C-alpha atoms as a PDB file:
ATOM      1  CA  MET A   1      28.629  16.006   7.789  1.00  0.00           C
ATOM      2  CA  TYR A   2      24.899  15.971   6.806  1.00  0.00           C
ATOM      3  CA  ASP A   3      23.040  18.024   4.215  1.00  0.00           C
ATOM      4  CA  ALA A   4      19.366  16.897   4.935  1.00  0.00           C
ATOM      5  CA  ILE A   5      16.948  14.858   6.745  1.00  0.00           C
ATOM      6  CA  LEU A   6      15.000  12.180   5.073  1.00  0.00           C
ATOM      7  CA  LEU A   7      11.737  10.806   6.500  1.00  0.00           C
ATOM      8  CA  VAL A   8      11.213   7.179   5.250  1.00  0.00           C
ATOM      9  CA  SER A   9       7.661   5.539   5.705  1.00  0.00           C
ATOM     10  CA  PHE A  10       5.389   2.856   4.499  1.00  0.00           C
ATOM     11  CA  GLY A  11       3.239   5.032   2.201  1.00  0.00           C
ATOM     12  CA  GLY A  12      -0.520   4.632   1.441  1.00  0.00           C
ATOM     13  CA  PRO A  13      -3.157   5.538  -1.293  1.00  0.00           C
ATOM     14  CA  GLU A  14      -4.825   9.029  -1.409  1.00  0.00           C
ATOM     15  CA  ARG A  15      -7.647   8.206  -3.570  1.00  0.00           C
ATOM     16  CA  PRO A  16      -9.633   5.067  -4.406  1.00  0.00           C
ATOM     17  CA  GLU A  17      -7.883   4.354  -7.767  1.00  0.00           C
ATOM     18  CA  ASP A  18      -4.833   4.236  -5.986  1.00  0.00           C
ATOM     19  CA  VAL A  19      -5.849   1.333  -3.511  1.00  0.00           C
ATOM     20  CA  LEU A  20      -5.215  -1.755  -5.672  1.00  0.00           C
ATOM     21  CA  PRO A  21      -1.970  -0.355  -7.389  1.00  0.00           C
ATOM     22  CA  PHE A  22      -0.737   0.397  -3.953  1.00  0.00           C
ATOM     23  CA  LEU A  23      -1.586  -3.122  -2.435  1.00  0.00           C
ATOM     24  CA  GLU A  24      -0.008  -4.617  -5.497  1.00  0.00           C
ATOM     25  CA  ASN A  25       3.165  -2.704  -4.706  1.00  0.00           C
ATOM     26  CA  VAL A  26       3.189  -3.830  -0.980  1.00  0.00           C
ATOM     27  CA  THR A  27       2.712  -7.614  -2.032  1.00  0.00           C
ATOM     28  CA  ARG A  28       4.760  -7.817  -5.037  1.00  0.00           C
ATOM     29  CA  GLY A  29       6.519 -11.086  -5.326  1.00  0.00           C
ATOM     30  CA  ARG A  30       4.636 -12.664  -2.376  1.00  0.00           C
ATOM     31  CA  GLY A  31       2.113 -14.621  -4.213  1.00  0.00           C
ATOM     32  CA  VAL A  32      -0.844 -12.992  -2.271  1.00  0.00           C
ATOM     33  CA  PRO A  33      -4.312 -14.196  -3.981  1.00  0.00           C
ATOM     34  CA  ARG A  34      -6.218 -11.489  -5.891  1.00  0.00           C
ATOM     35  CA  GLU A  35      -9.087 -12.142  -3.539  1.00  0.00           C
ATOM     36  CA  ARG A  36      -7.052 -11.372  -0.462  1.00  0.00           C
ATOM     37  CA  LEU A  37      -5.952  -8.111  -1.927  1.00  0.00           C
ATOM     38  CA  LEU A  38      -9.712  -7.231  -2.800  1.00  0.00           C
ATOM     39  CA  GLU A  39     -10.569  -8.106   0.840  1.00  0.00           C
ATOM     40  CA  VAL A  40      -8.018  -5.672   2.164  1.00  0.00           C
ATOM     41  CA  ALA A  41      -8.980  -3.132  -0.402  1.00  0.00           C
ATOM     42  CA  GLU A  42     -12.245  -2.837   1.255  1.00  0.00           C
ATOM     43  CA  HIS A  43     -10.621  -1.743   4.403  1.00  0.00           C
ATOM     44  CA  TYR A  44      -9.461   1.292   2.604  1.00  0.00           C
ATOM     45  CA  TYR A  45     -12.636   1.889   0.836  1.00  0.00           C
ATOM     46  CA  HIS A  46     -14.362   2.006   4.152  1.00  0.00           C
ATOM     47  CA  PHE A  47     -12.343   5.265   4.635  1.00  0.00           C
ATOM     48  CA  GLY A  48     -13.228   6.810   1.207  1.00  0.00           C
ATOM     49  CA  GLY A  49     -10.089   5.015  -0.483  1.00  0.00           C
ATOM     50  CA  LYS A  50      -7.597   7.325   1.306  1.00  0.00           C
ATOM     51  CA  SER A  51      -4.862   6.179   4.044  1.00  0.00           C
ATOM     52  CA  PRO A  52      -4.437   8.735   6.441  1.00  0.00           C
ATOM     53  CA  ILE A  53      -0.576   8.045   6.772  1.00  0.00           C
ATOM     54  CA  ASN A  54       0.537  10.581   4.238  1.00  0.00           C
ATOM     55  CA  ASP A  55      -1.433  13.585   5.881  1.00  0.00           C
ATOM     56  CA  GLN A  56       0.276  12.244   9.225  1.00  0.00           C
ATOM     57  CA  ASN A  57       3.629  12.284   7.788  1.00  0.00           C
ATOM     58  CA  ARG A  58       2.981  15.652   6.481  1.00  0.00           C
ATOM     59  CA  ALA A  59       1.983  16.783   9.859  1.00  0.00           C
ATOM     60  CA  LEU A  60       5.072  15.233  11.431  1.00  0.00           C
ATOM     61  CA  ILE A  61       7.317  16.948   9.054  1.00  0.00           C
ATOM     62  CA  GLU A  62       5.747  20.299   9.670  1.00  0.00           C
ATOM     63  CA  ALA A  63       6.028  19.868  13.404  1.00  0.00           C
ATOM     64  CA  LEU A  64       9.685  18.664  13.174  1.00  0.00           C
ATOM     65  CA  ARG A  65      10.555  21.556  10.911  1.00  0.00           C
ATOM     66  CA  LYS A  66       9.406  23.939  13.717  1.00  0.00           C
ATOM     67  CA  GLU A  67      11.312  21.785  16.172  1.00  0.00           C
ATOM     68  CA  LEU A  68      14.509  21.947  14.121  1.00  0.00           C
ATOM     69  CA  ASP A  69      14.316  25.695  13.423  1.00  0.00           C
ATOM     70  CA  GLU A  70      13.803  26.460  17.230  1.00  0.00           C
ATOM     71  CA  HIS A  71      17.037  24.529  17.858  1.00  0.00           C
ATOM     72  CA  ASP A  72      19.053  26.003  15.109  1.00  0.00           C
ATOM     73  CA  ILE A  73      19.318  22.846  12.859  1.00  0.00           C
ATOM     74  CA  ARG A  74      18.922  24.335   9.461  1.00  0.00           C
ATOM     75  CA  LEU A  75      18.637  21.138   7.325  1.00  0.00           C
ATOM     76  CA  PRO A  76      15.937  20.610   4.764  1.00  0.00           C
ATOM     77  CA  ILE A  77      13.520  17.601   5.245  1.00  0.00           C
ATOM     78  CA  TYR A  78      12.846  15.330   2.498  1.00  0.00           C
ATOM     79  CA  TRP A  79      10.135  12.445   2.675  1.00  0.00           C
ATOM     80  CA  GLY A  80      10.160   9.253   0.739  1.00  0.00           C
ATOM     81  CA  ASN A  81       7.962   6.002   0.859  1.00  0.00           C
ATOM     82  CA  ARG A  82       8.469   2.340   0.428  1.00  0.00           C
ATOM     83  CA  ASN A  83       5.142   1.555  -1.285  1.00  0.00           C
ATOM     84  CA  TRP A  84       3.636   4.915  -2.642  1.00  0.00           C
ATOM     85  CA  HIS A  85       4.274   8.448  -3.844  1.00  0.00           C
ATOM     86  CA  PRO A  86       6.458  10.065  -2.979  1.00  0.00           C
ATOM     87  CA  LEU A  87       8.449   6.924  -3.520  1.00  0.00           C
ATOM     88  CA  LEU A  88      12.294   6.863  -2.257  1.00  0.00           C
ATOM     89  CA  PRO A  89      13.914   6.783  -5.707  1.00  0.00           C
ATOM     90  CA  ASP A  90      11.931   9.872  -6.868  1.00  0.00           C
ATOM     91  CA  THR A  91      12.866  11.449  -3.584  1.00  0.00           C
ATOM     92  CA  MET A  92      16.440  10.644  -3.859  1.00  0.00           C
ATOM     93  CA  ARG A  93      16.665  12.083  -7.393  1.00  0.00           C
ATOM     94  CA  GLN A  94      15.317  15.252  -6.036  1.00  0.00           C
ATOM     95  CA  MET A  95      17.814  15.121  -3.372  1.00  0.00           C
ATOM     96  CA  ARG A  96      20.607  14.562  -5.874  1.00  0.00           C
ATOM     97  CA  ALA A  97      19.303  17.489  -7.941  1.00  0.00           C
ATOM     98  CA  ASP A  98      19.271  19.663  -4.861  1.00  0.00           C
ATOM     99  CA  GLY A  99      23.071  18.883  -4.354  1.00  0.00           C
ATOM    100  CA  VAL A 100      22.438  16.688  -1.127  1.00  0.00           C
ATOM    101  CA  GLY A 101      25.334  14.497  -0.622  1.00  0.00           C
ATOM    102  CA  ARG A 102      24.470  12.780   2.647  1.00  0.00           C
ATOM    103  CA  ALA A 103      21.329  12.605   4.838  1.00  0.00           C
ATOM    104  CA  LEU A 104      19.971  11.185   8.075  1.00  0.00           C
ATOM    105  CA  ALA A 105      16.834   8.964   7.826  1.00  0.00           C
ATOM    106  CA  PHE A 106      14.136   8.850  10.246  1.00  0.00           C
ATOM    107  CA  VAL A 107      12.103   5.673   9.770  1.00  0.00           C
ATOM    108  CA  THR A 108       8.569   5.772  11.155  1.00  0.00           C
ATOM    109  CA  SER A 109       9.076   2.599  13.078  1.00  0.00           C
ATOM    110  CA  ALA A 110      10.217   2.426  16.731  1.00  0.00           C
ATOM    111  CA  TYR A 111      11.177  -1.199  16.902  1.00  0.00           C
ATOM    112  CA  SER A 112      13.836  -3.568  15.611  1.00  0.00           C
ATOM    113  CA  SER A 113      12.595  -6.429  13.158  1.00  0.00           C
ATOM    114  CA  TYR A 114      13.201  -7.190   9.523  1.00  0.00           C
ATOM    115  CA  SER A 115       9.933  -5.299   8.170  1.00  0.00           C
ATOM    116  CA  GLY A 116      10.530  -2.369  10.757  1.00  0.00           C
ATOM    117  CA  CYS A 117      14.247  -1.703  10.299  1.00  0.00           C
ATOM    118  CA  ARG A 118      16.102  -3.936   7.929  1.00  0.00           C
ATOM    119  CA  GLN A 119      13.789  -3.976   5.175  1.00  0.00           C
ATOM    120  CA  TYR A 120      13.755  -0.133   5.155  1.00  0.00           C
ATOM    121  CA  ARG A 121      17.539  -0.133   4.990  1.00  0.00           C
ATOM    122  CA  GLU A 122      17.253  -2.510   1.776  1.00  0.00           C
ATOM    123  CA  ASN A 123      14.727  -0.129   0.444  1.00  0.00           C
ATOM    124  CA  LEU A 124      17.253   2.939   0.820  1.00  0.00           C
ATOM    125  CA  ALA A 125      19.923   0.655  -0.752  1.00  0.00           C
ATOM    126  CA  ALA A 126      17.872  -0.163  -3.569  1.00  0.00           C
ATOM    127  CA  ALA A 127      16.761   3.275  -4.282  1.00  0.00           C
ATOM    128  CA  ARG A 128      20.265   4.471  -4.176  1.00  0.00           C
ATOM    129  CA  MET A 129      21.187   1.951  -6.962  1.00  0.00           C
ATOM    130  CA  GLU A 130      18.314   2.840  -9.016  1.00  0.00           C
ATOM    131  CA  VAL A 131      19.169   6.480  -8.916  1.00  0.00           C
ATOM    132  CA  GLY A 132      22.768   5.553  -9.608  1.00  0.00           C
ATOM    133  CA  GLU A 133      25.767   7.955  -9.773  1.00  0.00           C
ATOM    134  CA  GLY A 134      25.539  10.973  -7.189  1.00  0.00           C
ATOM    135  CA  ALA A 135      22.818   9.471  -5.246  1.00  0.00           C
ATOM    136  CA  PRO A 136      23.146  10.715  -1.614  1.00  0.00           C
ATOM    137  CA  GLU A 137      24.548   8.542   1.019  1.00  0.00           C
ATOM    138  CA  ILE A 138      21.889   7.687   3.791  1.00  0.00           C
ATOM    139  CA  ASP A 139      22.502   6.987   7.394  1.00  0.00           C
ATOM    140  CA  LYS A 140      19.653   5.541   9.462  1.00  0.00           C
ATOM    141  CA  LEU A 141      18.901   6.865  12.881  1.00  0.00           C
ATOM    142  CA  ARG A 142      18.527   4.253  15.802  1.00  0.00           C
ATOM    143  CA  VAL A 143      15.449   2.823  16.879  1.00  0.00           C
ATOM    144  CA  PHE A 144      13.799   4.696  19.558  1.00  0.00           C
ATOM    145  CA  TYR A 145      11.397   2.273  21.435  1.00  0.00           C
ATOM    146  CA  ASN A 146      12.869   3.336  24.752  1.00  0.00           C
ATOM    147  CA  HIS A 147      13.619   7.083  24.163  1.00  0.00           C
ATOM    148  CA  PRO A 148      11.982   8.998  27.190  1.00  0.00           C
ATOM    149  CA  GLY A 149      10.247  11.314  24.529  1.00  0.00           C
ATOM    150  CA  PHE A 150       8.513   8.450  22.930  1.00  0.00           C
ATOM    151  CA  ILE A 151       7.570   6.963  26.274  1.00  0.00           C
ATOM    152  CA  LYS A 152       6.078  10.180  27.537  1.00  0.00           C
ATOM    153  CA  ALA A 153       4.034  10.579  24.371  1.00  0.00           C
ATOM    154  CA  CYS A 154       2.515   7.224  24.759  1.00  0.00           C
ATOM    155  CA  ALA A 155       1.870   7.580  28.289  1.00  0.00           C
ATOM    156  CA  ASP A 156       0.070  10.887  27.858  1.00  0.00           C
ATOM    157  CA  ARG A 157      -2.186   9.336  24.979  1.00  0.00           C
ATOM    158  CA  ILE A 158      -3.033   6.685  27.660  1.00  0.00           C
ATOM    159  CA  ARG A 159      -3.825   9.219  30.208  1.00  0.00           C
ATOM    160  CA  GLU A 160      -6.069  11.055  27.897  1.00  0.00           C
ATOM    161  CA  ALA A 161      -7.947   7.890  27.208  1.00  0.00           C
ATOM    162  CA  LEU A 162      -8.189   7.065  30.844  1.00  0.00           C
ATOM    163  CA  ALA A 163     -10.245  10.299  31.375  1.00  0.00           C
ATOM    164  CA  GLN A 164     -13.251   8.504  29.434  1.00  0.00           C
ATOM    165  CA  PHE A 165     -13.621   6.044  32.219  1.00  0.00           C
ATOM    166  CA  SER A 166     -15.105   6.869  35.695  1.00  0.00           C
ATOM    167  CA  GLN A 167     -13.204   6.029  38.713  1.00  0.00           C
ATOM    168  CA  ASP A 168     -15.350   2.913  39.448  1.00  0.00           C
ATOM    169  CA  GLU A 169     -14.509   1.839  35.964  1.00  0.00           C
ATOM    170  CA  ARG A 170     -10.717   2.363  36.111  1.00  0.00           C
ATOM    171  CA  GLU A 171     -10.623  -0.021  39.134  1.00  0.00           C
ATOM    172  CA  SER A 172     -11.562  -3.044  36.883  1.00  0.00           C
ATOM    173  CA  LEU A 173      -9.883  -1.747  33.875  1.00  0.00           C
ATOM    174  CA  ARG A 174      -7.671  -3.802  31.593  1.00  0.00           C
ATOM    175  CA  LEU A 175      -4.871  -1.991  29.515  1.00  0.00           C
ATOM    176  CA  ILE A 176      -4.175  -3.884  26.330  1.00  0.00           C
ATOM    177  CA  ALA A 177      -1.114  -2.679  24.279  1.00  0.00           C
ATOM    178  CA  THR A 178      -1.236  -3.657  20.506  1.00  0.00           C
ATOM    179  CA  ALA A 179       1.365  -3.944  17.820  1.00  0.00           C
ATOM    180  CA  HIS A 180       1.644  -5.320  14.247  1.00  0.00           C
ATOM    181  CA  SER A 181       1.872  -9.081  14.320  1.00  0.00           C
ATOM    182  CA  ILE A 182       4.824 -10.634  12.413  1.00  0.00           C
ATOM    183  CA  PRO A 183       5.839 -14.229  11.443  1.00  0.00           C
ATOM    184  CA  CYS A 184       7.265 -16.159  14.543  1.00  0.00           C
ATOM    185  CA  SER A 185      10.328 -16.877  12.419  1.00  0.00           C
ATOM    186  CA  MET A 186      11.071 -13.162  11.958  1.00  0.00           C
ATOM    187  CA  ALA A 187      10.372 -12.392  15.659  1.00  0.00           C
ATOM    188  CA  ALA A 188      12.940 -15.140  16.453  1.00  0.00           C
ATOM    189  CA  THR A 189      15.650 -13.460  14.809  1.00  0.00           C
ATOM    190  CA  SER A 190      15.016  -9.885  16.258  1.00  0.00           C
ATOM    191  CA  ALA A 191      14.335  -7.927  19.574  1.00  0.00           C
ATOM    192  CA  TYR A 192      10.895  -7.044  18.540  1.00  0.00           C
ATOM    193  CA  GLU A 193       8.951  -8.842  21.132  1.00  0.00           C
ATOM    194  CA  THR A 194      11.639  -7.831  23.845  1.00  0.00           C
ATOM    195  CA  GLN A 195      11.388  -4.123  22.687  1.00  0.00           C
ATOM    196  CA  LEU A 196       7.636  -4.039  22.722  1.00  0.00           C
ATOM    197  CA  ARG A 197       7.390  -5.387  26.283  1.00  0.00           C
ATOM    198  CA  GLU A 198       9.919  -3.009  27.383  1.00  0.00           C
ATOM    199  CA  THR A 199       8.119  -0.017  25.848  1.00  0.00           C
ATOM    200  CA  MET A 200       4.858  -1.243  27.599  1.00  0.00           C
ATOM    201  CA  ARG A 201       6.621  -1.803  30.902  1.00  0.00           C
ATOM    202  CA  LEU A 202       7.840   1.856  30.831  1.00  0.00           C
ATOM    203  CA  VAL A 203       4.687   3.255  29.702  1.00  0.00           C
ATOM    204  CA  ALA A 204       2.649   1.251  32.363  1.00  0.00           C
ATOM    205  CA  GLU A 205       4.971   2.323  35.046  1.00  0.00           C
ATOM    206  CA  ALA A 206       4.643   6.077  33.966  1.00  0.00           C
ATOM    207  CA  THR A 207       0.858   5.854  33.906  1.00  0.00           C
ATOM    208  CA  GLY A 208       0.707   3.835  37.087  1.00  0.00           C
ATOM    209  CA  THR A 209      -1.114   0.813  35.605  1.00  0.00           C
ATOM    210  CA  ALA A 210      -0.571  -2.582  36.979  1.00  0.00           C
ATOM    211  CA  ASN A 211      -2.635  -4.826  34.756  1.00  0.00           C
ATOM    212  CA  TRP A 212      -1.567  -4.862  31.106  1.00  0.00           C
ATOM    213  CA  ASP A 213      -1.397  -7.329  28.298  1.00  0.00           C
ATOM    214  CA  LEU A 214       0.529  -7.190  24.747  1.00  0.00           C
ATOM    215  CA  VAL A 215      -1.452  -8.528  21.989  1.00  0.00           C
ATOM    216  CA  TYR A 216      -1.047  -8.417  18.167  1.00  0.00           C
ATOM    217  CA  GLN A 217      -3.109  -6.955  15.189  1.00  0.00           C
ATOM    218  CA  SER A 218      -3.289  -6.875  11.462  1.00  0.00           C
ATOM    219  CA  ARG A 219      -1.874 -10.313  10.716  1.00  0.00           C
ATOM    220  CA  SER A 220      -1.468 -10.716   6.835  1.00  0.00           C
ATOM    221  CA  GLY A 221       0.219 -13.912   6.357  1.00  0.00           C
ATOM    222  CA  PRO A 222      -1.055 -17.409   5.233  1.00  0.00           C
ATOM    223  CA  PRO A 223      -3.052 -19.437   7.650  1.00  0.00           C
ATOM    224  CA  GLY A 224      -0.514 -22.376   8.047  1.00  0.00           C
ATOM    225  CA  GLN A 225       2.260 -19.632   8.961  1.00  0.00           C
ATOM    226  CA  PRO A 226       2.733 -19.075  12.719  1.00  0.00           C
ATOM    227  CA  TRP A 227       2.561 -15.418  13.636  1.00  0.00           C
ATOM    228  CA  LEU A 228       2.758 -13.595  16.940  1.00  0.00           C
ATOM    229  CA  GLU A 229      -0.206 -14.166  19.110  1.00  0.00           C
ATOM    230  CA  PRO A 230      -2.664 -13.599  20.759  1.00  0.00           C
ATOM    231  CA  ASP A 231      -4.846 -11.527  18.349  1.00  0.00           C
ATOM    232  CA  VAL A 232      -6.585  -8.669  19.887  1.00  0.00           C
ATOM    233  CA  LEU A 233      -9.916  -9.860  18.944  1.00  0.00           C
ATOM    234  CA  ASP A 234      -9.416 -13.415  20.444  1.00  0.00           C
ATOM    235  CA  HIS A 235      -7.910 -11.556  23.474  1.00  0.00           C
ATOM    236  CA  LEU A 236     -11.066  -9.511  23.927  1.00  0.00           C
ATOM    237  CA  CYS A 237     -13.159 -12.591  23.678  1.00  0.00           C
ATOM    238  CA  HIS A 238     -10.737 -14.176  26.487  1.00  0.00           C
ATOM    239  CA  LEU A 239     -11.013 -11.307  28.733  1.00  0.00           C
ATOM    240  CA  HIS A 240     -14.881 -11.042  28.420  1.00  0.00           C
ATOM    241  CA  SER A 241     -14.869 -14.828  29.446  1.00  0.00           C
ATOM    242  CA  MET A 242     -13.083 -13.817  32.760  1.00  0.00           C
ATOM    243  CA  GLY A 243     -15.303 -11.054  33.525  1.00  0.00           C
ATOM    244  CA  VAL A 244     -13.561  -7.863  32.180  1.00  0.00           C
ATOM    245  CA  ARG A 245     -15.808  -5.347  31.020  1.00  0.00           C
ATOM    246  CA  HIS A 246     -13.666  -2.273  30.757  1.00  0.00           C
ATOM    247  CA  VAL A 247     -10.702  -2.088  28.201  1.00  0.00           C
ATOM    248  CA  LEU A 248      -8.218   0.444  27.064  1.00  0.00           C
ATOM    249  CA  LEU A 249      -6.347  -0.226  23.770  1.00  0.00           C
ATOM    250  CA  ALA A 250      -3.153   1.420  23.386  1.00  0.00           C
ATOM    251  CA  PRO A 251      -1.367   0.916  19.979  1.00  0.00           C
ATOM    252  CA  ILE A 252       2.081   1.225  21.237  1.00  0.00           C
ATOM    253  CA  GLY A 253       3.398  -0.626  18.071  1.00  0.00           C
ATOM    254  CA  PHE A 254       2.633   2.236  15.696  1.00  0.00           C
ATOM    255  CA  ILE A 255       3.435   5.981  15.628  1.00  0.00           C
ATOM    256  CA  SER A 256       0.384   7.217  13.996  1.00  0.00           C
ATOM    257  CA  ASP A 257      -3.232   6.638  13.671  1.00  0.00           C
ATOM    258  CA  HIS A 258      -3.093   4.984  10.190  1.00  0.00           C
ATOM    259  CA  LEU A 259      -5.391   2.671   8.547  1.00  0.00           C
ATOM    260  CA  GLU A 260      -4.404  -0.517  10.290  1.00  0.00           C
ATOM    261  CA  VAL A 261      -5.006   1.267  13.602  1.00  0.00           C
ATOM    262  CA  LEU A 262      -8.462   2.858  12.392  1.00  0.00           C
ATOM    263  CA  TYR A 263      -9.736  -0.491  10.862  1.00  0.00           C
ATOM    264  CA  ASP A 264      -8.623  -3.050  13.031  1.00  0.00           C
ATOM    265  CA  LEU A 265      -9.204  -1.271  16.344  1.00  0.00           C
ATOM    266  CA  ASP A 266     -11.751   1.494  15.721  1.00  0.00           C
ATOM    267  CA  VAL A 267     -13.849  -0.677  13.546  1.00  0.00           C
ATOM    268  CA  GLU A 268     -13.343  -4.338  14.180  1.00  0.00           C
ATOM    269  CA  ALA A 269     -12.389  -4.283  17.850  1.00  0.00           C
ATOM    270  CA  GLN A 270     -14.966  -1.746  18.602  1.00  0.00           C
ATOM    271  CA  GLN A 271     -17.654  -3.854  16.990  1.00  0.00           C
ATOM    272  CA  LEU A 272     -16.721  -6.881  18.970  1.00  0.00           C
ATOM    273  CA  ALA A 273     -16.575  -5.108  22.161  1.00  0.00           C
ATOM    274  CA  ALA A 274     -20.002  -3.749  21.591  1.00  0.00           C
ATOM    275  CA  GLU A 275     -21.314  -7.370  20.732  1.00  0.00           C
ATOM    276  CA  LEU A 276     -19.697  -8.428  24.151  1.00  0.00           C
ATOM    277  CA  GLY A 277     -21.093  -5.624  26.111  1.00  0.00           C
ATOM    278  CA  MET A 278     -17.597  -4.263  26.879  1.00  0.00           C
ATOM    279  CA  LYS A 279     -16.694  -0.457  26.979  1.00  0.00           C
ATOM    280  CA  LEU A 280     -13.553  -0.087  24.996  1.00  0.00           C
ATOM    281  CA  VAL A 281     -11.494   2.965  24.412  1.00  0.00           C
ATOM    282  CA  ARG A 282      -8.559   3.349  22.149  1.00  0.00           C
ATOM    283  CA  ALA A 283      -5.633   5.705  23.041  1.00  0.00           C
ATOM    284  CA  GLY A 284      -4.207   7.676  20.536  1.00  0.00           C
ATOM    285  CA  THR A 285      -0.532   6.958  19.091  1.00  0.00           C
ATOM    286  CA  ALA A 286       2.435   9.411  19.601  1.00  0.00           C
ATOM    287  CA  GLY A 287       1.822  11.203  16.436  1.00  0.00           C
ATOM    288  CA  THR A 288       2.912  14.925  16.662  1.00  0.00           C
ATOM    289  CA  HIS A 289       3.116  14.920  20.469  1.00  0.00           C
ATOM    290  CA  PRO A 290       5.732  17.491  21.352  1.00  0.00           C
ATOM    291  CA  ALA A 291       7.620  15.175  23.375  1.00  0.00           C
ATOM    292  CA  PHE A 292       7.812  12.703  20.351  1.00  0.00           C
ATOM    293  CA  VAL A 293       8.864  15.407  17.990  1.00  0.00           C
ATOM    294  CA  SER A 294      11.438  16.586  20.515  1.00  0.00           C
ATOM    295  CA  ALA A 295      12.727  12.987  20.705  1.00  0.00           C
ATOM    296  CA  ILE A 296      13.222  13.034  16.839  1.00  0.00           C
ATOM    297  CA  ARG A 297      15.285  16.121  17.096  1.00  0.00           C
ATOM    298  CA  GLU A 298      17.438  14.734  19.783  1.00  0.00           C
ATOM    299  CA  LEU A 299      18.086  11.446  17.714  1.00  0.00           C
ATOM    300  CA  ILE A 300      19.288  13.766  14.821  1.00  0.00           C
ATOM    301  CA  GLU A 301      21.359  15.953  17.169  1.00  0.00           C
ATOM    302  CA  GLU A 302      23.038  12.634  18.360  1.00  0.00           C
ATOM    303  CA  ARG A 303      24.509  12.310  14.897  1.00  0.00           C
ATOM    304  CA  LEU A 304      25.331  15.793  14.300  1.00  0.00           C
ATOM    305  CA  ARG A 305      27.292  16.547  17.509  1.00  0.00           C
ATOM    306  CA  PRO A 306      29.668  14.013  18.977  1.00  0.00           C
ATOM    307  CA  ASP A 307      29.073  15.478  22.414  1.00  0.00           C
ATOM    308  CA  ALA A 308      25.213  15.007  22.354  1.00  0.00           C
ATOM    309  CA  SER A 309      23.637  12.722  24.818  1.00  0.00           C
ATOM    310  CA  ARG A 310      22.124   9.479  23.636  1.00  0.00           C
ATOM    311  CA  ARG A 311      18.978   9.243  25.897  1.00  0.00           C
ATOM    312  CA  ALA A 312      17.190   5.957  26.722  1.00  0.00           C
ATOM    313  CA  ILE A 313      15.465   4.810  29.865  1.00  0.00           C
ATOM    314  CA  GLY A 314      14.706   1.272  31.073  1.00  0.00           C
ATOM    315  CA  ARG A 315      16.831  -1.749  31.120  1.00  0.00           C
ATOM    316  CA  PHE A 316      18.590  -1.808  27.619  1.00  0.00           C
ATOM    317  CA  GLY A 317      20.016   1.551  27.031  1.00  0.00           C
ATOM    318  CA  PRO A 318      20.309   3.360  23.779  1.00  0.00           C
ATOM    319  CA  SER A 319      20.329   1.104  20.488  1.00  0.00           C
ATOM    320  CA  HIS A 320      23.225   0.861  18.243  1.00  0.00           C
ATOM    321  CA  ASP A 321      23.655   3.104  15.220  1.00  0.00           C
ATOM    322  CA  SER A 322      25.208   0.684  13.010  1.00  0.00           C
ATOM    323  CA  CYS A 323      23.424  -2.791  12.381  1.00  0.00           C
ATOM    324  CA  SER A 324      25.780  -5.953  11.967  1.00  0.00           C
ATOM    325  CA  ASN A 325      25.332  -7.935   8.839  1.00  0.00           C
ATOM    326  CA  ASP A 326      23.061 -10.668  10.436  1.00  0.00           C
ATOM    327  CA  CYS A 327      20.757  -8.217  12.268  1.00  0.00           C
ATOM    328  CA  CYS A 328      17.100  -9.030  11.548  1.00  0.00           C
ATOM    329  CA  PRO A 329      17.660 -11.104   8.650  1.00  0.00           C
ATOM    330  CA  ALA A 330      15.168 -11.248   5.771  1.00  0.00           C
ATOM    331  CA  PRO A 331      12.826 -14.090   5.629  1.00  0.00           C
ATOM    332  CA  GLN A 332      13.575 -16.066   2.655  1.00  0.00           C
ATOM    333  CA  ARG A 333      10.989 -16.228  -0.256  1.00  0.00           C
ATOM    334  CA  PRO A 334      11.157 -17.923  -3.524  1.00  0.00           C
ATOM    335  CA  GLY A 335      12.769 -15.600  -6.042  1.00  0.00           C
ATOM    336  CA  LYS A 336      13.637 -13.060  -3.506  1.00  0.00           C
ATOM    337  CA  PRO A 337      17.511 -11.790  -3.558  1.00  0.00           C
ATOM    338  CA  ALA A 338      18.989 -12.349  -0.018  1.00  0.00           C
ATOM    339  CA  ALA A 339      19.777  -9.123   1.930  1.00  0.00           C
ATOM    340  CA  SER A 340      23.493  -9.635   1.374  1.00  0.00           C
ATOM    341  CA  GLU A 341      22.941  -9.154  -2.395  1.00  0.00           C
ATOM    342  CA  LEU A 342      21.844  -5.505  -1.904  1.00  0.00           C
ATOM    343  CA  PRO A 343      24.847  -2.861  -0.902  1.00  0.00           C
ATOM    344  CA  ALA A 344      24.721  -2.226   2.726  1.00  0.00           C
ATOM    345  CA  VAL A 345      23.170   1.265   3.754  1.00  0.00           C
ATOM    346  CA  SER A 346      25.704   3.077   6.009  1.00  0.00           C
ATOM    347  CA  GLN A 347      24.624   3.854   9.523  1.00  0.00           C
ATOM    348  CA  GLN A 348      27.765   5.251  10.696  1.00  0.00           C
ATOM    349  CA  PRO A 349      28.205   8.864  11.567  1.00  0.00           C
END
């Protein structure tokens, strides 16, 4: 039924001259002031003008290729991004040229929300429209926030970080889970918060951690628009006022150590912790952890074989394959077409 796998991601600049064009792509149609783009560009310049996300996706594709080969899944893997090269329309043109008629898409987002799921479906639909006749059909894999492989990868990363604390320090340790903040209006129409809390509950259970909080980072909206809180920096100050001096940050909302993780946590949060006299250690993301790579392969096998098990742990079971028309609706912006104006992307096997 399928000819290929398509990894779909956000994209990022690979050299300093890419930074502003990339940010303009990300914010197109949103009326973001130029000074804000220049401010965010400095985050990229801090790391040489290159986001690590593309190299991380290349590493994930390489690890997945080996995993699929070991399980006799002989499908080629393509890669297309929302905001930077390789862009989805270009990848789909190559897929069409290679004779791909139908592909399974793995999106590098574990949770349900407009920006983390539906918008990618819209991106895929828009790319198919741009490519035109012969563009491959794309079926998106389900979200995987409660897949046991993803939970194990997150838990193992936390265990690795815990090793940097002494036994005495662990007794007063506070575990903080971080995820990308989104507008409250977007959160209200999706299961984003519920899924994040379930992931962290499962991870805390796996690591034997009783004291944990869920906070948010990387807010990018206008000051007057409510976004999910508390912010990670505000929460560090709050914990400090309560006498907490040992903190482990776990970015469970992300699957790789891309720039927002590196800048917001390894730079800003670390600087604040140093000023407050707190010991702060950040856990890694799932990345290419073998359990996570195996989880992706299992998600693919679900759609290839009707008898394959659909693994999930916790309270909610495996997520659906096919999204309803009103699932995670788009926030309405002036001049932006409603999601209903774009053709649906099939998610049915």
